[in-house]
C-alpha atoms as a PDB file:
ATOM      1  CA  MET A   1      29.003  -5.450  36.166  1.00  0.00           C
ATOM      2  CA  ASN A   2      28.705  -5.362  32.376  1.00  0.00           C
ATOM      3  CA  LYS A   3      31.850  -7.486  32.045  1.00  0.00           C
ATOM      4  CA  ILE A   4      30.359 -10.093  34.347  1.00  0.00           C
ATOM      5  CA  LEU A   5      27.090 -10.201  32.424  1.00  0.00           C
ATOM      6  CA  ILE A   6      28.927 -10.436  29.111  1.00  0.00           C
ATOM      7  CA  ALA A   7      31.141 -13.233  30.434  1.00  0.00           C
ATOM      8  CA  LEU A   8      28.173 -15.144  31.852  1.00  0.00           C
ATOM      9  CA  PHE A   9      26.312 -14.729  28.591  1.00  0.00           C
ATOM     10  CA  ALA A  10      29.348 -15.957  26.661  1.00  0.00           C
ATOM     11  CA  ILE A  11      29.644 -19.023  28.850  1.00  0.00           C
ATOM     12  CA  PHE A  12      25.950 -19.785  28.545  1.00  0.00           C
ATOM     13  CA  VAL A  13      26.167 -19.434  24.783  1.00  0.00           C
ATOM     14  CA  MET A  14      29.272 -21.640  24.671  1.00  0.00           C
ATOM     15  CA  LEU A  15      27.504 -24.370  26.598  1.00  0.00           C
ATOM     16  CA  ALA A  16      24.600 -24.280  24.181  1.00  0.00           C
ATOM     17  CA  ALA A  17      26.777 -23.627  21.142  1.00  0.00           C
ATOM     18  CA  PRO A  18      28.230 -25.972  18.591  1.00  0.00           C
ATOM     19  CA  ALA A  19      31.683 -27.351  19.319  1.00  0.00           C
ATOM     20  CA  ARG A  20      33.250 -24.477  17.387  1.00  0.00           C
ATOM     21  CA  ALA A  21      32.760 -21.166  19.180  1.00  0.00           C
ATOM     22  CA  GLU A  22      34.034 -19.271  16.136  1.00  0.00           C
ATOM     23  CA  ASP A  23      30.763 -20.164  14.425  1.00  0.00           C
ATOM     24  CA  ASN A  24      28.789 -18.382  17.127  1.00  0.00           C
ATOM     25  CA  PRO A  25      28.859 -14.572  16.776  1.00  0.00           C
ATOM     26  CA  ALA A  26      27.592 -14.053  20.350  1.00  0.00           C
ATOM     27  CA  VAL A  27      30.587 -15.897  21.777  1.00  0.00           C
ATOM     28  CA  VAL A  28      32.995 -14.010  19.535  1.00  0.00           C
ATOM     29  CA  ASP A  29      31.401 -10.677  20.497  1.00  0.00           C
ATOM     30  CA  ALA A  30      31.533 -11.491  24.223  1.00  0.00           C
ATOM     31  CA  LEU A  31      35.185 -12.516  24.056  1.00  0.00           C
ATOM     32  CA  SER A  32      36.070  -9.482  21.957  1.00  0.00           C
ATOM     33  CA  GLY A  33      34.297  -7.240  24.451  1.00  0.00           C
ATOM     34  CA  TYR A  34      36.285  -8.707  27.302  1.00  0.00           C
ATOM     35  CA  MET A  35      39.568  -8.396  25.411  1.00  0.00           C
ATOM     36  CA  ASP A  36      38.843  -4.740  24.560  1.00  0.00           C
ATOM     37  CA  PHE A  37      38.753  -3.885  28.263  1.00  0.00           C
ATOM     38  CA  ALA A  38      41.488  -6.214  29.543  1.00  0.00           C
ATOM     39  CA  GLU A  39      44.553  -4.267  30.616  1.00  0.00           C
ATOM     40  CA  TYR A  40      47.960  -5.670  29.767  1.00  0.00           C
ATOM     41  CA  GLY A  41      49.495  -7.044  32.910  1.00  0.00           C
ATOM     42  CA  SER A  42      46.309  -6.822  34.978  1.00  0.00           C
ATOM     43  CA  SER A  43      46.232 -10.582  35.320  1.00  0.00           C
ATOM     44  CA  LEU A  44      50.002 -11.048  35.726  1.00  0.00           C
ATOM     45  CA  ILE A  45      52.227 -10.752  38.764  1.00  0.00           C
ATOM     46  CA  TRP A  46      55.937 -11.401  39.114  1.00  0.00           C
ATOM     47  CA  PRO A  47      57.452 -12.997  42.229  1.00  0.00           C
ATOM     48  CA  GLU A  48      59.492  -9.859  42.905  1.00  0.00           C
ATOM     49  CA  GLN A  49      56.291  -7.784  43.162  1.00  0.00           C
ATOM     50  CA  ILE A  50      55.158  -9.560  46.334  1.00  0.00           C
ATOM     51  CA  PRO A  51      56.992  -8.745  49.593  1.00  0.00           C
ATOM     52  CA  ALA A  52      57.735 -11.838  51.711  1.00  0.00           C
ATOM     53  CA  ASP A  53      55.200 -10.886  54.404  1.00  0.00           C
ATOM     54  CA  ASP A  54      52.460 -10.321  51.808  1.00  0.00           C
ATOM     55  CA  TRP A  55      52.679 -13.930  50.596  1.00  0.00           C
ATOM     56  CA  LYS A  56      50.848 -14.886  53.813  1.00  0.00           C
ATOM     57  CA  LYS A  57      47.850 -12.841  52.622  1.00  0.00           C
ATOM     58  CA  VAL A  58      47.793 -14.383  49.128  1.00  0.00           C
ATOM     59  CA  PHE A  59      45.683 -17.436  48.269  1.00  0.00           C
ATOM     60  CA  ILE A  60      48.117 -19.517  46.207  1.00  0.00           C
ATOM     61  CA  VAL A  61      46.888 -22.094  43.691  1.00  0.00           C
ATOM     62  CA  ASP A  62      49.167 -24.725  42.178  1.00  0.00           C
ATOM     63  CA  ALA A  63      47.492 -25.500  38.849  1.00  0.00           C
ATOM     64  CA  ARG A  64      49.675 -28.512  38.034  1.00  0.00           C
ATOM     65  CA  ASP A  65      48.608 -32.129  38.411  1.00  0.00           C
ATOM     66  CA  ALA A  66      48.566 -33.851  41.803  1.00  0.00           C
ATOM     67  CA  ALA A  67      51.827 -35.737  41.186  1.00  0.00           C
ATOM     68  CA  GLN A  68      53.766 -32.544  40.446  1.00  0.00           C
ATOM     69  CA  TYR A  69      52.177 -30.840  43.446  1.00  0.00           C
ATOM     70  CA  ALA A  70      53.137 -33.767  45.705  1.00  0.00           C
ATOM     71  CA  LYS A  71      56.722 -33.660  44.471  1.00  0.00           C
ATOM     72  CA  GLU A  72      57.169 -29.914  45.042  1.00  0.00           C
ATOM     73  CA  HIS A  73      55.001 -26.827  45.503  1.00  0.00           C
ATOM     74  CA  ILE A  74      55.088 -23.329  46.904  1.00  0.00           C
ATOM     75  CA  PRO A  75      54.447 -23.619  50.653  1.00  0.00           C
ATOM     76  CA  GLY A  76      50.816 -22.833  51.453  1.00  0.00           C
ATOM     77  CA  ALA A  77      49.581 -23.531  47.926  1.00  0.00           C
ATOM     78  CA  VAL A  78      46.323 -25.387  47.298  1.00  0.00           C
ATOM     79  CA  ASN A  79      46.298 -27.848  44.407  1.00  0.00           C
ATOM     80  CA  ILE A  80      43.548 -27.101  41.867  1.00  0.00           C
ATOM     81  CA  GLU A  81      44.560 -28.485  38.488  1.00  0.00           C
ATOM     82  CA  TRP A  82      44.165 -25.880  35.733  1.00  0.00           C
ATOM     83  CA  ARG A  83      41.420 -27.885  34.019  1.00  0.00           C
ATOM     84  CA  GLN A  84      39.389 -27.829  37.259  1.00  0.00           C
ATOM     85  CA  ALA A  85      39.709 -24.091  37.938  1.00  0.00           C
ATOM     86  CA  VAL A  86      36.230 -23.206  36.665  1.00  0.00           C
ATOM     87  CA  ALA A  87      34.514 -26.178  38.312  1.00  0.00           C
ATOM     88  CA  ARG A  88      36.225 -25.453  41.656  1.00  0.00           C
ATOM     89  CA  ARG A  89      35.980 -21.660  41.536  1.00  0.00           C
ATOM     90  CA  ALA A  90      33.805 -21.570  44.657  1.00  0.00           C
ATOM     91  CA  GLU A  91      36.945 -22.514  46.625  1.00  0.00           C
ATOM     92  CA  LEU A  92      38.628 -19.260  45.633  1.00  0.00           C
ATOM     93  CA  PRO A  93      38.279 -16.246  47.896  1.00  0.00           C
ATOM     94  CA  LYS A  94      37.007 -13.050  46.328  1.00  0.00           C
ATOM     95  CA  ASP A  95      38.288 -10.763  49.073  1.00  0.00           C
ATOM     96  CA  ARG A  96      42.046 -11.193  48.523  1.00  0.00           C
ATOM     97  CA  MET A  97      44.549 -11.805  45.778  1.00  0.00           C
ATOM     98  CA  VAL A  98      44.620 -15.278  44.256  1.00  0.00           C
ATOM     99  CA  VAL A  99      47.897 -16.218  42.529  1.00  0.00           C
ATOM    100  CA  VAL A 100      47.809 -19.225  40.204  1.00  0.00           C
ATOM    101  CA  TYR A 101      50.952 -20.931  38.958  1.00  0.00           C
ATOM    102  CA  CYS A 102      52.092 -23.971  37.009  1.00  0.00           C
ATOM    103  CA  ASN A 103      55.612 -24.834  35.840  1.00  0.00           C
ATOM    104  CA  SER A 104      56.093 -21.916  33.462  1.00  0.00           C
ATOM    105  CA  GLY A 105      52.854 -19.906  33.498  1.00  0.00           C
ATOM    106  CA  SER A 106      51.200 -21.167  30.307  1.00  0.00           C
ATOM    107  CA  LEU A 107      48.597 -23.556  31.758  1.00  0.00           C
ATOM    108  CA  SER A 108      47.862 -21.336  34.730  1.00  0.00           C
ATOM    109  CA  ALA A 109      47.280 -18.470  32.276  1.00  0.00           C
ATOM    110  CA  GLN A 110      44.483 -20.469  30.655  1.00  0.00           C
ATOM    111  CA  ALA A 111      42.840 -21.067  34.027  1.00  0.00           C
ATOM    112  CA  VAL A 112      43.178 -17.406  35.004  1.00  0.00           C
ATOM    113  CA  PHE A 113      41.740 -16.255  31.669  1.00  0.00           C
ATOM    114  CA  ALA A 114      38.652 -18.408  32.208  1.00  0.00           C
ATOM    115  CA  LEU A 115      38.265 -17.229  35.810  1.00  0.00           C
ATOM    116  CA  ARG A 116      38.640 -13.585  34.829  1.00  0.00           C
ATOM    117  CA  LEU A 117      35.963 -14.041  32.168  1.00  0.00           C
ATOM    118  CA  LEU A 118      33.755 -15.237  35.018  1.00  0.00           C
ATOM    119  CA  GLY A 119      34.417 -12.028  36.949  1.00  0.00           C
ATOM    120  CA  TYR A 120      37.298 -13.074  39.224  1.00  0.00           C
ATOM    121  CA  ASP A 121      39.303  -9.863  38.872  1.00  0.00           C
ATOM    122  CA  ASN A 122      41.449 -10.743  41.902  1.00  0.00           C
ATOM    123  CA  VAL A 123      43.056 -13.744  40.166  1.00  0.00           C
ATOM    124  CA  LYS A 124      46.558 -13.414  38.710  1.00  0.00           C
ATOM    125  CA  VAL A 125      49.078 -15.634  36.937  1.00  0.00           C
ATOM    126  CA  LEU A 126      52.466 -15.994  38.604  1.00  0.00           C
ATOM    127  CA  GLN A 127      54.682 -15.014  35.679  1.00  0.00           C
ATOM    128  CA  ASP A 128      57.201 -17.773  34.838  1.00  0.00           C
ATOM    129  CA  GLY A 129      55.491 -20.222  37.234  1.00  0.00           C
ATOM    130  CA  ILE A 130      57.195 -22.135  40.016  1.00  0.00           C
ATOM    131  CA  GLU A 131      60.422 -22.318  38.027  1.00  0.00           C
ATOM    132  CA  GLY A 132      60.644 -18.521  37.824  1.00  0.00           C
ATOM    133  CA  TRP A 133      59.624 -18.225  41.472  1.00  0.00           C
ATOM    134  CA  LYS A 134      62.497 -20.506  42.512  1.00  0.00           C
ATOM    135  CA  ALA A 135      65.008 -18.839  40.178  1.00  0.00           C
ATOM    136  CA  LYS A 136      64.146 -15.392  41.539  1.00  0.00           C
ATOM    137  CA  GLY A 137      64.467 -16.408  45.178  1.00  0.00           C
ATOM    138  CA  GLY A 138      61.026 -17.699  46.150  1.00  0.00           C
ATOM    139  CA  PHE A 139      59.472 -15.715  48.985  1.00  0.00           C
ATOM    140  CA  ASP A 140      62.617 -13.532  49.027  1.00  0.00           C
ATOM    141  CA  ALA A 141      62.308 -12.451  45.363  1.00  0.00           C
ATOM    142  CA  TYR A 142      61.021  -9.002  46.358  1.00  0.00           C
ATOM    143  CA  THR A 143      63.941  -8.409  48.720  1.00  0.00           C
ATOM    144  CA  ARG A 144      66.477  -9.667  46.204  1.00  0.00           C
ATOM    145  CA  ALA A 145      65.027  -7.461  43.466  1.00  0.00           C
ATOM    146  CA  SER A 146      65.008  -4.411  45.772  1.00  0.00           C
ATOM    147  CA  LYS A 147      68.730  -4.562  46.570  1.00  0.00           C
ATOM    148  CA  PRO A 148      71.032  -2.198  44.671  1.00  0.00           C
ATOM    149  CA  ALA A 149      73.084  -3.757  41.880  1.00  0.00           C
ATOM    150  CA  GLY A 150      76.260  -5.446  43.054  1.00  0.00           C
ATOM    151  CA  ASN A 151      74.922  -6.437  46.482  1.00  0.00           C
END
């Protein structure tokens, strides 16, 4: 609960703050407080960590622009461009895992960071994005990673 209050306070301060957050000690303190408690890897997930059947339970967000989404996306994904993640956060379920991806993971990581600051602890970045997902076997990444070497 404290993390949520700190994050909300930080956001409120940022909205009322000058353009440079570094000039506002309250924002810096709130961000530092969040970072002190953030666990490495808590907001990351690799394709091979999700069994094929579990993908049906995951709310998948494609954080790329509409044109990239239209060209190709992970089946079942909803398109919420990374810049819109905070504004459209009400569309995200809080009762199941939300996996956000882009091409490589860098833009989706920014969206997930903002959402986690807002208290969405169930939101994760798909490490290496759609490109990594495809390279590792898509929905079959877990099965492929679980096979003994040489098979």
